[in-house]
């Protein structure tokens, strides 16, 4: 039969693992990502006014930030497929 008191005592006397120090590169990357997130948030907050969007068939109203984000996403998708097509031809 195991002695439970000894297990409890050994668990409480264990030292925590030493914390690893972040490298300068990781710290700079984190700071850059935080700055980028802050700028993106400011950009979104400053571009909430409604704008008219002219489609091929008709037009409508949408917040400017939605128009910008959708335009960027469409560009990313087109670029992805264009690069895949270019890679297949090589």
C-alpha atoms as a PDB file:
ATOM      1  CA  UNK A   1       0.000   0.000   0.000  1.00  0.00           C
ATOM      2  CA  UNK A   2       1.589   3.322  -1.070  1.00  0.00           C
ATOM      3  CA  UNK A   3       2.291   5.996   1.471  1.00  0.00           C
ATOM      4  CA  UNK A   4       0.122   8.981   0.390  1.00  0.00           C
ATOM      5  CA  UNK A   5       1.828  11.491   2.618  1.00  0.00           C
ATOM      6  CA  UNK A   6       5.106  11.084   0.785  1.00  0.00           C
ATOM      7  CA  UNK A   7       3.497  11.689  -2.634  1.00  0.00           C
ATOM      8  CA  UNK A   8       1.838  14.873  -1.441  1.00  0.00           C
ATOM      9  CA  UNK A   9       5.086  16.082   0.088  1.00  0.00           C
ATOM     10  CA  UNK A  10       7.145  15.411  -3.042  1.00  0.00           C
ATOM     11  CA  UNK A  11       4.592  17.203  -5.231  1.00  0.00           C
ATOM     12  CA  UNK A  12       4.750  20.325  -3.072  1.00  0.00           C
ATOM     13  CA  UNK A  13       8.551  20.436  -2.961  1.00  0.00           C
ATOM     14  CA  UNK A  14       9.046  20.307  -6.730  1.00  0.00           C
ATOM     15  CA  UNK A  15      10.533  23.469  -8.188  1.00  0.00           C
ATOM     16  CA  UNK A  16       8.838  25.042 -11.182  1.00  0.00           C
ATOM     17  CA  UNK A  17      10.538  24.741 -14.562  1.00  0.00           C
ATOM     18  CA  UNK A  18      12.747  27.733 -15.358  1.00  0.00           C
ATOM     19  CA  UNK A  19      11.148  30.261 -17.691  1.00  0.00           C
ATOM     20  CA  UNK A  20      12.907  30.578 -21.018  1.00  0.00           C
ATOM     21  CA  UNK A  21      13.829  34.118 -21.989  1.00  0.00           C
ATOM     22  CA  UNK A  22      12.469  35.325 -25.294  1.00  0.00           C
ATOM     23  CA  UNK A  23      14.993  36.219 -27.944  1.00  0.00           C
ATOM     24  CA  UNK A  24      15.213  39.744 -29.303  1.00  0.00           C
ATOM     25  CA  UNK A  25      13.799  38.511 -32.588  1.00  0.00           C
ATOM     26  CA  UNK A  26      10.690  37.066 -30.913  1.00  0.00           C
ATOM     27  CA  UNK A  27      10.188  40.255 -28.916  1.00  0.00           C
ATOM     28  CA  UNK A  28      10.509  42.392 -32.049  1.00  0.00           C
ATOM     29  CA  UNK A  29       8.080  40.137 -33.935  1.00  0.00           C
ATOM     30  CA  UNK A  30       5.547  40.361 -31.111  1.00  0.00           C
ATOM     31  CA  UNK A  31       5.892  44.148 -30.936  1.00  0.00           C
ATOM     32  CA  UNK A  32       5.480  44.388 -34.710  1.00  0.00           C
ATOM     33  CA  UNK A  33       2.335  42.256 -34.658  1.00  0.00           C
ATOM     34  CA  UNK A  34       0.850  44.337 -31.837  1.00  0.00           C
ATOM     35  CA  UNK A  35       1.606  47.525 -33.772  1.00  0.00           C
ATOM     36  CA  UNK A  36       0.059  46.043 -36.921  1.00  0.00           C
ATOM     37  CA  UNK A  37      -3.064  45.032 -34.978  1.00  0.00           C
ATOM     38  CA  UNK A  38      -3.396  48.545 -33.520  1.00  0.00           C
ATOM     39  CA  UNK A  39      -2.995  50.145 -36.957  1.00  0.00           C
ATOM     40  CA  UNK A  40      -5.529  47.746 -38.510  1.00  0.00           C
ATOM     41  CA  UNK A  41      -8.001  48.529 -35.740  1.00  0.00           C
ATOM     42  CA  UNK A  42      -7.537  52.281 -36.205  1.00  0.00           C
ATOM     43  CA  UNK A  43      -7.919  51.881 -39.965  1.00  0.00           C
ATOM     44  CA  UNK A  44     -11.173  49.969 -39.498  1.00  0.00           C
ATOM     45  CA  UNK A  45     -12.564  52.454 -36.978  1.00  0.00           C
ATOM     46  CA  UNK A  46     -11.726  55.428 -39.180  1.00  0.00           C
ATOM     47  CA  UNK A  47     -13.347  53.880 -42.288  1.00  0.00           C
ATOM     48  CA  UNK A  48     -16.852  53.019 -41.129  1.00  0.00           C
ATOM     49  CA  UNK A  49     -18.771  55.563 -43.198  1.00  0.00           C
ATOM     50  CA  UNK A  50     -21.175  54.132 -45.738  1.00  0.00           C
ATOM     51  CA  UNK A  51     -20.230  54.381 -49.415  1.00  0.00           C
ATOM     52  CA  UNK A  52     -22.097  53.583 -52.613  1.00  0.00           C
ATOM     53  CA  UNK A  53     -20.813  50.501 -54.406  1.00  0.00           C
ATOM     54  CA  UNK A  54     -21.595  50.141 -58.118  1.00  0.00           C
ATOM     55  CA  UNK A  55     -21.899  46.490 -59.130  1.00  0.00           C
ATOM     56  CA  UNK A  56     -22.243  45.190 -62.669  1.00  0.00           C
ATOM     57  CA  UNK A  57     -25.995  44.954 -62.098  1.00  0.00           C
ATOM     58  CA  UNK A  58     -27.153  47.764 -59.827  1.00  0.00           C
ATOM     59  CA  UNK A  59     -25.599  49.472 -56.822  1.00  0.00           C
ATOM     60  CA  UNK A  60     -25.821  49.434 -53.055  1.00  0.00           C
ATOM     61  CA  UNK A  61     -24.503  50.892 -49.816  1.00  0.00           C
ATOM     62  CA  UNK A  62     -21.767  49.292 -47.698  1.00  0.00           C
ATOM     63  CA  UNK A  63     -19.299  50.429 -45.024  1.00  0.00           C
ATOM     64  CA  UNK A  64     -16.007  51.480 -46.578  1.00  0.00           C
ATOM     65  CA  UNK A  65     -14.000  49.018 -44.460  1.00  0.00           C
ATOM     66  CA  UNK A  66     -16.096  46.120 -45.811  1.00  0.00           C
ATOM     67  CA  UNK A  67     -15.428  47.241 -49.379  1.00  0.00           C
ATOM     68  CA  UNK A  68     -11.693  47.510 -48.674  1.00  0.00           C
ATOM     69  CA  UNK A  69     -11.467  44.112 -46.932  1.00  0.00           C
ATOM     70  CA  UNK A  70     -13.460  42.352 -49.652  1.00  0.00           C
ATOM     71  CA  UNK A  71     -11.269  43.929 -52.326  1.00  0.00           C
ATOM     72  CA  UNK A  72      -8.125  42.734 -50.568  1.00  0.00           C
ATOM     73  CA  UNK A  73      -9.537  39.209 -50.159  1.00  0.00           C
ATOM     74  CA  UNK A  74     -10.517  39.016 -53.837  1.00  0.00           C
ATOM     75  CA  UNK A  75      -7.011  40.159 -54.764  1.00  0.00           C
ATOM     76  CA  UNK A  76      -5.444  37.508 -52.527  1.00  0.00           C
ATOM     77  CA  UNK A  77      -7.606  34.764 -54.041  1.00  0.00           C
ATOM     78  CA  UNK A  78      -6.845  35.861 -57.624  1.00  0.00           C
ATOM     79  CA  UNK A  79      -3.120  36.050 -56.849  1.00  0.00           C
ATOM     80  CA  UNK A  80      -3.169  32.574 -55.307  1.00  0.00           C
ATOM     81  CA  UNK A  81      -4.821  31.009 -58.348  1.00  0.00           C
ATOM     82  CA  UNK A  82      -2.598  32.940 -60.778  1.00  0.00           C
ATOM     83  CA  UNK A  83       0.530  31.674 -58.980  1.00  0.00           C
ATOM     84  CA  UNK A  84      -0.782  28.093 -58.967  1.00  0.00           C
ATOM     85  CA  UNK A  85      -1.492  28.302 -62.694  1.00  0.00           C
ATOM     86  CA  UNK A  86       1.943  29.757 -63.357  1.00  0.00           C
ATOM     87  CA  UNK A  87       3.628  26.995 -61.329  1.00  0.00           C
ATOM     88  CA  UNK A  88       1.829  24.276 -63.304  1.00  0.00           C
ATOM     89  CA  UNK A  89       3.189  25.646 -66.592  1.00  0.00           C
ATOM     90  CA  UNK A  90       6.816  25.360 -65.463  1.00  0.00           C
END
